[in-house]
Amino acid sequence: MDKPKLTAKQREVLKFIYKAIKADHRPPTIREIAAHFGFSSTGTVRDYLRALIDKGYIKVAANKSRAIEIIREALFSIPILGRVHAGLPNLAVEEIEGYLNLDSLVFSDESTFALRVKGDSMTGAGIMPNDLVLVRKQNVAQTGETIVALINDEATVKNLGRRGEDYYLEPANPNYFPVKVDETVSIVGRVISVVRRF
């Protein structure tokens, strides 16, 4: 089941609470949150906390000044949507095969997902078979970025390159050839991180 979406400000408040707990090993008080965000009233903070409780991100114990508790599972789940070829493109089927829990990527927004890599065309970029690539959904990218692209509905992970006026999906392995970007190619997202489990 999808997590309820947070507003931008709710996400900022949650991030502040998380960072305070991580740095100080204790949650901030309502007054500290109000001071940090410049809220004139602690009632505003209580409204944000109530929204975060309702959406399942935090718990608050009654009658305590530092009573905010983060619900870890709500923060760190990024869906693993399946496999993507780093090699010859392969049909992309969006089928959730699990969730990836990442402390380092707190507050990835709802547009972030993971794919497991098949193939060896990106080994020169440090992306190995069976790695997980974290992808932010977007349909545009800059030259030099590592992206996931669809070629006639088949997904592949490559670097986006440019030669003259033409763009190419470039492998990071000399055993593979670049693919010219044309109307059959669409960008699915940008790779923002690679996760390897040893």
N, C-alpha and C. Protein backbone atom coordinates (compact mmCIF):
# COMPACT_ATOMS: atom_id res chain seq x y z
N MET A 1 0.84 -1.19 0.00
CA MET A 1 0.00 0.00 0.00
C MET A 1 0.88 1.25 0.00
N ASP A 2 0.53 2.23 -0.81
CA ASP A 2 1.34 3.45 -0.92
C ASP A 2 1.25 4.28 0.34
N LYS A 3 2.36 4.95 0.65
CA LYS A 3 2.37 5.87 1.79
C LYS A 3 1.55 7.09 1.44
N PRO A 4 0.82 7.66 2.41
CA PRO A 4 0.12 8.92 2.13
C PRO A 4 1.13 10.00 1.80
N LYS A 5 0.81 10.83 0.83
CA LYS A 5 1.74 11.87 0.40
C LYS A 5 1.80 13.00 1.39
N LEU A 6 3.00 13.55 1.55
CA LEU A 6 3.22 14.70 2.42
C LEU A 6 3.26 15.97 1.60
N THR A 7 2.80 17.06 2.19
CA THR A 7 3.00 18.36 1.55
C THR A 7 4.48 18.72 1.72
N ALA A 8 4.94 19.70 0.97
CA ALA A 8 6.34 20.12 1.06
C ALA A 8 6.70 20.54 2.48
N LYS A 9 5.81 21.27 3.14
CA LYS A 9 6.10 21.75 4.49
C LYS A 9 6.07 20.61 5.50
N GLN A 10 5.12 19.68 5.34
CA GLN A 10 5.09 18.52 6.22
C GLN A 10 6.38 17.72 6.10
N ARG A 11 6.89 17.60 4.87
CA ARG A 11 8.14 16.89 4.64
C ARG A 11 9.30 17.60 5.34
N GLU A 12 9.31 18.94 5.29
CA GLU A 12 10.37 19.72 5.96
C GLU A 12 10.32 19.52 7.47
N VAL A 13 9.12 19.54 8.04
CA VAL A 13 8.98 19.34 9.49
C VAL A 13 9.45 17.94 9.87
N LEU A 14 9.04 16.95 9.10
CA LEU A 14 9.45 15.57 9.38
C LEU A 14 10.97 15.43 9.26
N LYS A 15 11.56 16.06 8.26
CA LYS A 15 13.00 16.00 8.08
C LYS A 15 13.72 16.64 9.26
N PHE A 16 13.19 17.77 9.75
CA PHE A 16 13.80 18.43 10.91
C PHE A 16 13.75 17.52 12.14
N ILE A 17 12.61 16.88 12.34
CA ILE A 17 12.47 15.96 13.49
C ILE A 17 13.47 14.81 13.35
N TYR A 18 13.55 14.24 12.17
CA TYR A 18 14.45 13.11 11.93
C TYR A 18 15.90 13.51 12.21
N LYS A 19 16.32 14.66 11.66
CA LYS A 19 17.71 15.11 11.83
C LYS A 19 18.02 15.41 13.30
N ALA A 20 17.04 15.99 14.01
CA ALA A 20 17.25 16.28 15.44
C ALA A 20 17.45 14.99 16.22
N ILE A 21 16.64 13.99 15.93
CA ILE A 21 16.76 12.70 16.63
C ILE A 21 18.12 12.07 16.31
N LYS A 22 18.52 12.16 15.04
CA LYS A 22 19.78 11.54 14.63
C LYS A 22 20.97 12.26 15.28
N ALA A 23 20.92 13.59 15.34
CA ALA A 23 22.04 14.36 15.87
C ALA A 23 22.09 14.35 17.40
N ASP A 24 20.93 14.52 18.04
CA ASP A 24 20.88 14.69 19.49
C ASP A 24 20.42 13.45 20.25
N HIS A 25 20.00 12.43 19.51
CA HIS A 25 19.47 11.20 20.11
C HIS A 25 18.22 11.46 20.94
N ARG A 26 17.52 12.51 20.59
CA ARG A 26 16.24 12.79 21.25
C ARG A 26 15.44 13.72 20.32
N PRO A 27 14.12 13.61 20.37
CA PRO A 27 13.31 14.43 19.48
C PRO A 27 13.27 15.89 19.95
N PRO A 28 12.97 16.81 19.04
CA PRO A 28 12.84 18.21 19.43
C PRO A 28 11.52 18.43 20.17
N THR A 29 11.47 19.52 20.95
CA THR A 29 10.20 19.89 21.58
C THR A 29 9.36 20.66 20.56
N ILE A 30 8.09 20.83 20.89
CA ILE A 30 7.20 21.60 20.02
C ILE A 30 7.71 23.03 19.88
N ARG A 31 8.21 23.60 20.96
CA ARG A 31 8.75 24.97 20.91
C ARG A 31 9.99 25.05 20.02
N GLU A 32 10.84 24.04 20.08
CA GLU A 32 12.03 24.02 19.22
C GLU A 32 11.65 23.95 17.74
N ILE A 33 10.64 23.18 17.44
CA ILE A 33 10.16 23.10 16.04
C ILE A 33 9.61 24.45 15.61
N ALA A 34 8.81 25.06 16.48
CA ALA A 34 8.23 26.37 16.17
C ALA A 34 9.33 27.40 15.94
N ALA A 35 10.35 27.40 16.79
CA ALA A 35 11.45 28.36 16.65
C ALA A 35 12.22 28.14 15.35
N HIS A 36 12.48 26.89 15.02
CA HIS A 36 13.24 26.58 13.81
C HIS A 36 12.53 27.08 12.56
N PHE A 37 11.22 26.90 12.51
CA PHE A 37 10.48 27.28 11.30
C PHE A 37 9.90 28.69 11.37
N GLY A 38 10.09 29.36 12.52
CA GLY A 38 9.57 30.72 12.65
C GLY A 38 8.06 30.77 12.79
N PHE A 39 7.47 29.69 13.29
CA PHE A 39 6.02 29.69 13.53
C PHE A 39 5.74 30.54 14.76
N SER A 40 4.73 31.38 14.67
CA SER A 40 4.43 32.25 15.81
C SER A 40 3.66 31.51 16.90
N SER A 41 3.11 30.35 16.56
CA SER A 41 2.28 29.63 17.52
C SER A 41 2.68 28.16 17.57
N THR A 42 2.66 27.59 18.77
CA THR A 42 2.90 26.15 18.89
C THR A 42 1.70 25.37 18.33
N GLY A 43 0.57 26.04 18.22
CA GLY A 43 -0.61 25.39 17.62
C GLY A 43 -0.34 24.98 16.18
N THR A 44 0.45 25.79 15.46
CA THR A 44 0.79 25.46 14.07
C THR A 44 1.61 24.17 14.04
N VAL A 45 2.56 24.05 14.98
CA VAL A 45 3.37 22.83 15.06
C VAL A 45 2.46 21.64 15.35
N ARG A 46 1.53 21.82 16.29
CA ARG A 46 0.62 20.70 16.63
C ARG A 46 -0.20 20.27 15.41
N ASP A 47 -0.58 21.23 14.56
CA ASP A 47 -1.31 20.89 13.33
C ASP A 47 -0.45 20.02 12.42
N TYR A 48 0.83 20.39 12.28
CA TYR A 48 1.72 19.59 11.44
C TYR A 48 1.94 18.21 12.04
N LEU A 49 2.13 18.15 13.35
CA LEU A 49 2.33 16.86 14.01
C LEU A 49 1.10 15.97 13.84
N ARG A 50 -0.09 16.58 13.97
CA ARG A 50 -1.32 15.81 13.80
C ARG A 50 -1.41 15.23 12.39
N ALA A 51 -1.01 16.03 11.39
CA ALA A 51 -1.03 15.54 10.00
C ALA A 51 -0.04 14.39 9.83
N LEU A 52 1.14 14.51 10.42
CA LEU A 52 2.16 13.45 10.31
C LEU A 52 1.72 12.18 11.03
N ILE A 53 0.99 12.34 12.14
CA ILE A 53 0.43 11.18 12.85
C ILE A 53 -0.62 10.51 11.97
N ASP A 54 -1.53 11.33 11.43
CA ASP A 54 -2.62 10.80 10.60
C ASP A 54 -2.10 10.06 9.37
N LYS A 55 -0.95 10.52 8.84
CA LYS A 55 -0.39 9.89 7.65
C LYS A 55 0.56 8.74 7.97
N GLY A 56 0.74 8.47 9.28
CA GLY A 56 1.49 7.29 9.70
C GLY A 56 3.00 7.44 9.76
N TYR A 57 3.50 8.69 9.86
CA TYR A 57 4.94 8.90 9.88
C TYR A 57 5.52 9.02 11.29
N ILE A 58 4.71 9.47 12.24
CA ILE A 58 5.20 9.64 13.61
C ILE A 58 4.15 9.16 14.60
N LYS A 59 4.63 8.96 15.85
CA LYS A 59 3.74 8.75 17.00
C LYS A 59 4.13 9.80 18.04
N VAL A 60 3.18 10.25 18.84
CA VAL A 60 3.47 11.22 19.90
C VAL A 60 2.84 10.71 21.19
N ALA A 61 3.69 10.57 22.22
CA ALA A 61 3.20 10.14 23.53
C ALA A 61 2.60 11.34 24.26
N ALA A 62 1.57 11.11 25.00
CA ALA A 62 0.90 12.20 25.73
C ALA A 62 1.72 12.62 26.95
N ASN A 63 1.59 13.89 27.31
CA ASN A 63 2.16 14.45 28.54
C ASN A 63 3.68 14.35 28.66
N LYS A 64 4.38 14.46 27.54
CA LYS A 64 5.84 14.49 27.56
C LYS A 64 6.29 15.63 26.65
N SER A 65 7.40 16.29 27.00
CA SER A 65 7.85 17.40 26.17
C SER A 65 8.62 16.92 24.94
N ARG A 66 9.29 15.79 25.05
CA ARG A 66 10.04 15.23 23.91
C ARG A 66 9.45 13.86 23.59
N ALA A 67 8.28 13.87 23.03
CA ALA A 67 7.51 12.64 22.91
C ALA A 67 7.31 12.16 21.47
N ILE A 68 8.03 12.79 20.52
CA ILE A 68 7.81 12.42 19.11
C ILE A 68 8.67 11.21 18.77
N GLU A 69 8.05 10.24 18.15
CA GLU A 69 8.75 9.03 17.72
C GLU A 69 8.50 8.82 16.24
N ILE A 70 9.58 8.61 15.48
CA ILE A 70 9.49 8.37 14.04
C ILE A 70 9.10 6.91 13.82
N ILE A 71 8.20 6.68 12.90
CA ILE A 71 7.88 5.31 12.50
C ILE A 71 8.78 4.98 11.32
N ARG A 72 9.85 4.25 11.59
CA ARG A 72 10.92 4.02 10.60
C ARG A 72 10.41 3.46 9.29
N GLU A 73 9.54 2.48 9.38
CA GLU A 73 9.10 1.80 8.16
C GLU A 73 8.44 2.76 7.18
N ALA A 74 7.80 3.81 7.71
CA ALA A 74 7.12 4.76 6.84
C ALA A 74 8.10 5.62 6.07
N LEU A 75 9.31 5.80 6.63
CA LEU A 75 10.28 6.70 5.99
C LEU A 75 11.10 6.04 4.90
N PHE A 76 11.46 4.79 5.10
CA PHE A 76 12.56 4.25 4.32
C PHE A 76 12.18 3.29 3.22
N SER A 77 10.92 3.06 2.98
CA SER A 77 10.55 2.08 1.97
C SER A 77 10.53 2.69 0.58
N ILE A 78 11.40 2.15 -0.27
CA ILE A 78 11.43 2.53 -1.68
C ILE A 78 11.12 1.26 -2.47
N PRO A 79 10.11 1.28 -3.34
CA PRO A 79 9.75 0.05 -4.04
C PRO A 79 10.82 -0.37 -5.05
N ILE A 80 11.10 -1.68 -5.07
CA ILE A 80 11.94 -2.26 -6.11
C ILE A 80 10.99 -2.76 -7.18
N LEU A 81 10.98 -2.08 -8.33
CA LEU A 81 9.95 -2.33 -9.34
C LEU A 81 10.29 -3.46 -10.30
N GLY A 82 11.46 -4.03 -10.19
CA GLY A 82 11.82 -5.12 -11.09
C GLY A 82 13.26 -4.99 -11.53
N ARG A 83 13.54 -5.46 -12.74
CA ARG A 83 14.91 -5.49 -13.25
C ARG A 83 15.05 -4.58 -14.45
N VAL A 84 16.24 -4.04 -14.64
CA VAL A 84 16.54 -3.24 -15.82
C VAL A 84 17.85 -3.75 -16.40
N HIS A 85 17.91 -3.85 -17.72
CA HIS A 85 19.11 -4.38 -18.35
C HIS A 85 20.18 -3.32 -18.48
N ALA A 86 21.38 -3.69 -18.07
CA ALA A 86 22.58 -2.94 -18.40
C ALA A 86 23.28 -3.84 -19.38
N GLY A 87 22.90 -3.74 -20.60
CA GLY A 87 23.31 -4.64 -21.66
C GLY A 87 22.33 -4.41 -22.78
N LEU A 88 21.84 -5.46 -23.35
CA LEU A 88 20.83 -5.30 -24.38
C LEU A 88 19.51 -4.95 -23.71
N PRO A 89 18.76 -4.00 -24.28
CA PRO A 89 17.47 -3.64 -23.66
C PRO A 89 16.55 -4.85 -23.53
N ASN A 90 15.74 -4.82 -22.50
CA ASN A 90 14.81 -5.91 -22.26
C ASN A 90 13.46 -5.33 -21.87
N LEU A 91 12.40 -6.06 -22.07
CA LEU A 91 11.06 -5.59 -21.74
C LEU A 91 10.99 -5.19 -20.28
N ALA A 92 10.48 -3.99 -20.02
CA ALA A 92 10.36 -3.50 -18.65
C ALA A 92 8.97 -3.82 -18.14
N VAL A 93 8.90 -4.62 -17.12
CA VAL A 93 7.61 -4.94 -16.50
C VAL A 93 7.64 -4.38 -15.10
N GLU A 94 6.72 -3.47 -14.79
CA GLU A 94 6.70 -2.87 -13.46
C GLU A 94 5.98 -3.82 -12.52
N GLU A 95 6.78 -4.57 -11.76
CA GLU A 95 6.23 -5.54 -10.82
C GLU A 95 7.05 -5.41 -9.54
N ILE A 96 6.41 -4.98 -8.48
CA ILE A 96 7.14 -4.74 -7.24
C ILE A 96 7.63 -6.07 -6.68
N GLU A 97 8.97 -6.17 -6.51
CA GLU A 97 9.54 -7.41 -5.98
C GLU A 97 9.98 -7.26 -4.54
N GLY A 98 9.73 -6.12 -3.95
CA GLY A 98 10.09 -5.90 -2.56
C GLY A 98 10.29 -4.42 -2.31
N TYR A 99 10.80 -4.10 -1.11
CA TYR A 99 11.09 -2.71 -0.75
C TYR A 99 12.50 -2.62 -0.22
N LEU A 100 13.16 -1.52 -0.53
CA LEU A 100 14.53 -1.27 -0.13
C LEU A 100 14.51 -0.28 1.02
N ASN A 101 15.12 -0.64 2.13
CA ASN A 101 15.16 0.26 3.28
C ASN A 101 16.51 0.97 3.33
N LEU A 102 16.47 2.31 3.22
CA LEU A 102 17.70 3.08 3.12
C LEU A 102 17.72 4.23 4.09
N ASP A 103 18.60 4.14 5.05
CA ASP A 103 18.74 5.24 6.00
C ASP A 103 19.35 6.47 5.35
N SER A 104 20.22 6.26 4.33
CA SER A 104 20.94 7.38 3.73
C SER A 104 20.08 8.20 2.78
N LEU A 105 18.96 7.68 2.37
CA LEU A 105 18.13 8.41 1.42
C LEU A 105 16.78 8.77 2.04
N VAL A 106 16.86 9.37 3.20
CA VAL A 106 15.66 9.76 3.91
C VAL A 106 14.87 10.75 3.06
N PHE A 107 13.58 10.59 3.08
CA PHE A 107 12.69 11.53 2.43
C PHE A 107 12.84 11.57 0.93
N SER A 108 13.19 10.42 0.36
CA SER A 108 13.06 10.34 -1.08
C SER A 108 11.57 10.54 -1.34
N ASP A 109 11.25 11.28 -2.35
CA ASP A 109 9.83 11.55 -2.58
C ASP A 109 9.18 10.37 -3.29
N GLU A 110 7.89 10.53 -3.57
CA GLU A 110 7.13 9.43 -4.13
C GLU A 110 7.56 9.08 -5.55
N SER A 111 8.43 9.89 -6.16
CA SER A 111 8.86 9.62 -7.52
C SER A 111 10.12 8.77 -7.57
N THR A 112 10.59 8.26 -6.43
CA THR A 112 11.81 7.45 -6.39
C THR A 112 11.46 5.97 -6.31
N PHE A 113 12.16 5.17 -7.13
CA PHE A 113 11.97 3.72 -7.09
C PHE A 113 13.31 3.06 -7.37
N ALA A 114 13.37 1.75 -7.19
CA ALA A 114 14.61 1.00 -7.42
C ALA A 114 14.40 -0.06 -8.48
N LEU A 115 15.47 -0.34 -9.22
CA LEU A 115 15.46 -1.42 -10.20
C LEU A 115 16.72 -2.26 -9.98
N ARG A 116 16.58 -3.56 -10.15
CA ARG A 116 17.74 -4.44 -10.05
C ARG A 116 18.38 -4.56 -11.43
N VAL A 117 19.70 -4.44 -11.48
CA VAL A 117 20.43 -4.41 -12.75
C VAL A 117 20.73 -5.83 -13.24
N LYS A 118 20.47 -6.06 -14.53
CA LYS A 118 20.89 -7.29 -15.21
C LYS A 118 21.85 -6.87 -16.31
N GLY A 119 22.90 -7.62 -16.53
CA GLY A 119 23.83 -7.31 -17.60
C GLY A 119 25.02 -6.51 -17.11
N ASP A 120 26.01 -6.36 -18.01
CA ASP A 120 27.29 -5.78 -17.61
C ASP A 120 27.72 -4.58 -18.46
N SER A 121 26.78 -3.93 -19.13
CA SER A 121 27.18 -2.83 -20.01
C SER A 121 27.56 -1.56 -19.27
N MET A 122 27.32 -1.50 -17.94
CA MET A 122 27.63 -0.29 -17.18
C MET A 122 28.70 -0.52 -16.12
N THR A 123 29.46 -1.61 -16.26
CA THR A 123 30.46 -1.92 -15.25
C THR A 123 31.53 -0.84 -15.15
N GLY A 124 31.84 -0.17 -16.24
CA GLY A 124 32.83 0.90 -16.22
C GLY A 124 32.38 2.11 -15.43
N ALA A 125 31.07 2.21 -15.18
CA ALA A 125 30.52 3.29 -14.35
C ALA A 125 30.25 2.80 -12.93
N GLY A 126 30.73 1.59 -12.62
CA GLY A 126 30.55 1.06 -11.27
C GLY A 126 29.18 0.47 -11.01
N ILE A 127 28.42 0.18 -12.07
CA ILE A 127 27.10 -0.44 -11.92
C ILE A 127 27.23 -1.89 -12.36
N MET A 128 27.14 -2.78 -11.40
CA MET A 128 27.39 -4.20 -11.64
C MET A 128 26.07 -4.99 -11.71
N PRO A 129 26.13 -6.17 -12.34
CA PRO A 129 24.94 -7.02 -12.33
C PRO A 129 24.47 -7.28 -10.90
N ASN A 130 23.18 -7.22 -10.69
CA ASN A 130 22.51 -7.44 -9.41
C ASN A 130 22.53 -6.23 -8.48
N ASP A 131 23.24 -5.15 -8.85
CA ASP A 131 23.13 -3.91 -8.08
C ASP A 131 21.71 -3.39 -8.16
N LEU A 132 21.36 -2.55 -7.20
CA LEU A 132 20.10 -1.84 -7.27
C LEU A 132 20.40 -0.40 -7.65
N VAL A 133 19.71 0.10 -8.68
CA VAL A 133 19.84 1.52 -9.02
C VAL A 133 18.60 2.23 -8.51
N LEU A 134 18.82 3.34 -7.81
CA LEU A 134 17.71 4.16 -7.35
C LEU A 134 17.45 5.20 -8.43
N VAL A 135 16.20 5.29 -8.83
CA VAL A 135 15.83 6.10 -9.98
C VAL A 135 14.79 7.13 -9.57
N ARG A 136 15.02 8.39 -9.97
CA ARG A 136 14.01 9.42 -9.78
C ARG A 136 13.28 9.60 -11.09
N LYS A 137 11.96 9.41 -11.07
CA LYS A 137 11.17 9.52 -12.28
C LYS A 137 11.29 10.93 -12.87
N GLN A 138 11.67 11.00 -14.13
CA GLN A 138 11.68 12.26 -14.86
C GLN A 138 11.82 11.92 -16.34
N ASN A 139 11.31 12.77 -17.20
CA ASN A 139 11.36 12.45 -18.64
C ASN A 139 12.38 13.28 -19.40
N VAL A 140 13.23 14.01 -18.67
CA VAL A 140 14.33 14.75 -19.29
C VAL A 140 15.60 14.47 -18.49
N ALA A 141 16.75 14.67 -19.14
CA ALA A 141 18.03 14.46 -18.46
C ALA A 141 19.09 15.32 -19.12
N GLN A 142 20.20 15.50 -18.40
CA GLN A 142 21.34 16.26 -18.91
C GLN A 142 22.38 15.30 -19.46
N THR A 143 23.14 15.78 -20.43
CA THR A 143 24.24 15.00 -20.98
C THR A 143 25.18 14.60 -19.84
N GLY A 144 25.61 13.34 -19.85
CA GLY A 144 26.52 12.84 -18.83
C GLY A 144 25.82 12.14 -17.68
N GLU A 145 24.50 12.32 -17.56
CA GLU A 145 23.77 11.65 -16.47
C GLU A 145 23.50 10.19 -16.84
N THR A 146 23.41 9.36 -15.81
CA THR A 146 23.03 7.97 -16.00
C THR A 146 21.52 7.88 -15.87
N ILE A 147 20.91 7.27 -16.87
CA ILE A 147 19.45 7.28 -16.94
C ILE A 147 18.91 5.87 -17.18
N VAL A 148 17.62 5.72 -16.93
CA VAL A 148 16.88 4.55 -17.38
C VAL A 148 16.01 5.03 -18.53
N ALA A 149 16.11 4.34 -19.65
CA ALA A 149 15.36 4.72 -20.84
C ALA A 149 14.59 3.53 -21.37
N LEU A 150 13.50 3.83 -22.05
CA LEU A 150 12.73 2.81 -22.75
C LEU A 150 13.03 2.92 -24.24
N ILE A 151 13.35 1.79 -24.85
CA ILE A 151 13.52 1.72 -26.30
C ILE A 151 12.43 0.78 -26.79
N ASN A 152 11.40 1.36 -27.44
CA ASN A 152 10.25 0.53 -27.86
C ASN A 152 9.74 -0.33 -26.71
N ASP A 153 9.52 0.29 -25.54
CA ASP A 153 8.99 -0.39 -24.36
C ASP A 153 9.95 -1.38 -23.70
N GLU A 154 11.22 -1.35 -24.08
CA GLU A 154 12.23 -2.18 -23.42
C GLU A 154 13.14 -1.26 -22.62
N ALA A 155 13.40 -1.61 -21.36
CA ALA A 155 14.15 -0.73 -20.47
C ALA A 155 15.63 -1.06 -20.47
N THR A 156 16.44 -0.01 -20.35
CA THR A 156 17.89 -0.17 -20.25
C THR A 156 18.45 0.97 -19.41
N VAL A 157 19.58 0.73 -18.76
CA VAL A 157 20.27 1.79 -18.01
C VAL A 157 21.55 2.13 -18.77
N LYS A 158 21.75 3.42 -19.06
CA LYS A 158 22.91 3.89 -19.84
C LYS A 158 23.23 5.32 -19.44
N ASN A 159 24.38 5.81 -19.91
CA ASN A 159 24.72 7.22 -19.79
C ASN A 159 24.14 7.97 -20.99
N LEU A 160 23.69 9.19 -20.77
CA LEU A 160 23.20 10.00 -21.87
C LEU A 160 24.36 10.82 -22.42
N GLY A 161 24.67 10.61 -23.69
CA GLY A 161 25.78 11.31 -24.32
C GLY A 161 25.30 12.12 -25.52
N ARG A 162 26.19 12.99 -26.01
CA ARG A 162 25.85 13.81 -27.17
C ARG A 162 27.05 13.88 -28.10
N ARG A 163 26.77 13.74 -29.38
CA ARG A 163 27.79 13.90 -30.42
C ARG A 163 27.19 14.79 -31.49
N GLY A 164 27.72 15.99 -31.60
CA GLY A 164 27.13 16.96 -32.53
C GLY A 164 25.72 17.29 -32.10
N GLU A 165 24.78 17.11 -33.00
CA GLU A 165 23.38 17.40 -32.70
C GLU A 165 22.63 16.18 -32.16
N ASP A 166 23.26 15.03 -32.17
CA ASP A 166 22.58 13.78 -31.82
C ASP A 166 22.89 13.35 -30.39
N TYR A 167 21.90 12.72 -29.76
CA TYR A 167 22.05 12.17 -28.41
C TYR A 167 22.13 10.65 -28.51
N TYR A 168 22.88 10.07 -27.57
CA TYR A 168 23.07 8.62 -27.57
C TYR A 168 22.92 8.06 -26.16
N LEU A 169 22.46 6.81 -26.09
CA LEU A 169 22.51 6.04 -24.85
C LEU A 169 23.83 5.29 -24.90
N GLU A 170 24.75 5.67 -24.00
CA GLU A 170 26.11 5.15 -24.08
C GLU A 170 26.40 4.16 -22.96
N PRO A 171 26.88 2.97 -23.32
CA PRO A 171 27.28 2.00 -22.30
C PRO A 171 28.61 2.41 -21.69
N ALA A 172 28.94 1.81 -20.56
CA ALA A 172 30.24 2.03 -19.92
C ALA A 172 31.02 0.73 -19.94
N ASN A 173 31.00 0.09 -21.09
CA ASN A 173 31.70 -1.17 -21.32
C ASN A 173 31.97 -1.23 -22.83
N PRO A 174 33.24 -1.37 -23.23
CA PRO A 174 33.58 -1.33 -24.67
C PRO A 174 32.99 -2.48 -25.48
N ASN A 175 32.43 -3.48 -24.83
CA ASN A 175 31.81 -4.60 -25.56
C ASN A 175 30.42 -4.27 -26.10
N TYR A 176 29.91 -3.09 -25.76
CA TYR A 176 28.57 -2.69 -26.20
C TYR A 176 28.65 -1.41 -27.02
N PHE A 177 27.64 -1.21 -27.86
CA PHE A 177 27.61 -0.05 -28.76
C PHE A 177 26.59 0.97 -28.28
N PRO A 178 26.85 2.26 -28.52
CA PRO A 178 25.85 3.29 -28.20
C PRO A 178 24.60 3.11 -29.04
N VAL A 179 23.48 3.61 -28.50
CA VAL A 179 22.21 3.58 -29.22
C VAL A 179 21.79 5.03 -29.45
N LYS A 180 21.54 5.39 -30.69
CA LYS A 180 21.12 6.76 -30.99
C LYS A 180 19.72 7.00 -30.45
N VAL A 181 19.53 8.15 -29.82
CA VAL A 181 18.22 8.52 -29.28
C VAL A 181 17.37 9.05 -30.44
N ASP A 182 16.23 8.39 -30.65
CA ASP A 182 15.27 8.84 -31.66
C ASP A 182 13.87 8.76 -31.08
N GLU A 183 12.88 8.75 -31.94
CA GLU A 183 11.49 8.76 -31.43
C GLU A 183 11.10 7.46 -30.74
N THR A 184 11.90 6.40 -30.88
CA THR A 184 11.60 5.13 -30.20
C THR A 184 12.13 5.10 -28.78
N VAL A 185 12.90 6.15 -28.39
CA VAL A 185 13.53 6.18 -27.07
C VAL A 185 12.84 7.22 -26.19
N SER A 186 12.52 6.83 -24.97
CA SER A 186 11.97 7.80 -24.00
C SER A 186 12.68 7.60 -22.66
N ILE A 187 12.94 8.73 -22.00
CA ILE A 187 13.61 8.70 -20.70
C ILE A 187 12.59 8.42 -19.62
N VAL A 188 12.89 7.46 -18.75
CA VAL A 188 12.01 7.10 -17.64
C VAL A 188 12.43 7.83 -16.37
N GLY A 189 13.76 7.94 -16.17
CA GLY A 189 14.23 8.58 -14.95
C GLY A 189 15.73 8.66 -14.91
N ARG A 190 16.24 9.35 -13.89
CA ARG A 190 17.68 9.54 -13.69
C ARG A 190 18.15 8.69 -12.52
N VAL A 191 19.24 7.98 -12.70
CA VAL A 191 19.81 7.18 -11.62
C VAL A 191 20.46 8.13 -10.61
N ILE A 192 20.01 8.05 -9.35
CA ILE A 192 20.53 8.96 -8.33
C ILE A 192 21.46 8.27 -7.35
N SER A 193 21.44 6.93 -7.36
CA SER A 193 22.32 6.21 -6.45
C SER A 193 22.37 4.75 -6.86
N VAL A 194 23.45 4.08 -6.48
CA VAL A 194 23.60 2.65 -6.73
C VAL A 194 23.82 1.97 -5.39
N VAL A 195 23.11 0.88 -5.15
CA VAL A 195 23.22 0.15 -3.90
C VAL A 195 23.69 -1.25 -4.20
N ARG A 196 24.75 -1.65 -3.51
CA ARG A 196 25.28 -3.00 -3.69
C ARG A 196 25.23 -3.71 -2.35
N ARG A 197 24.70 -4.90 -2.36
CA ARG A 197 24.66 -5.69 -1.13
C ARG A 197 25.75 -6.74 -1.20
N PHE A 198 26.59 -6.79 -0.18
CA PHE A 198 27.69 -7.76 -0.16
C PHE A 198 27.31 -8.97 0.68
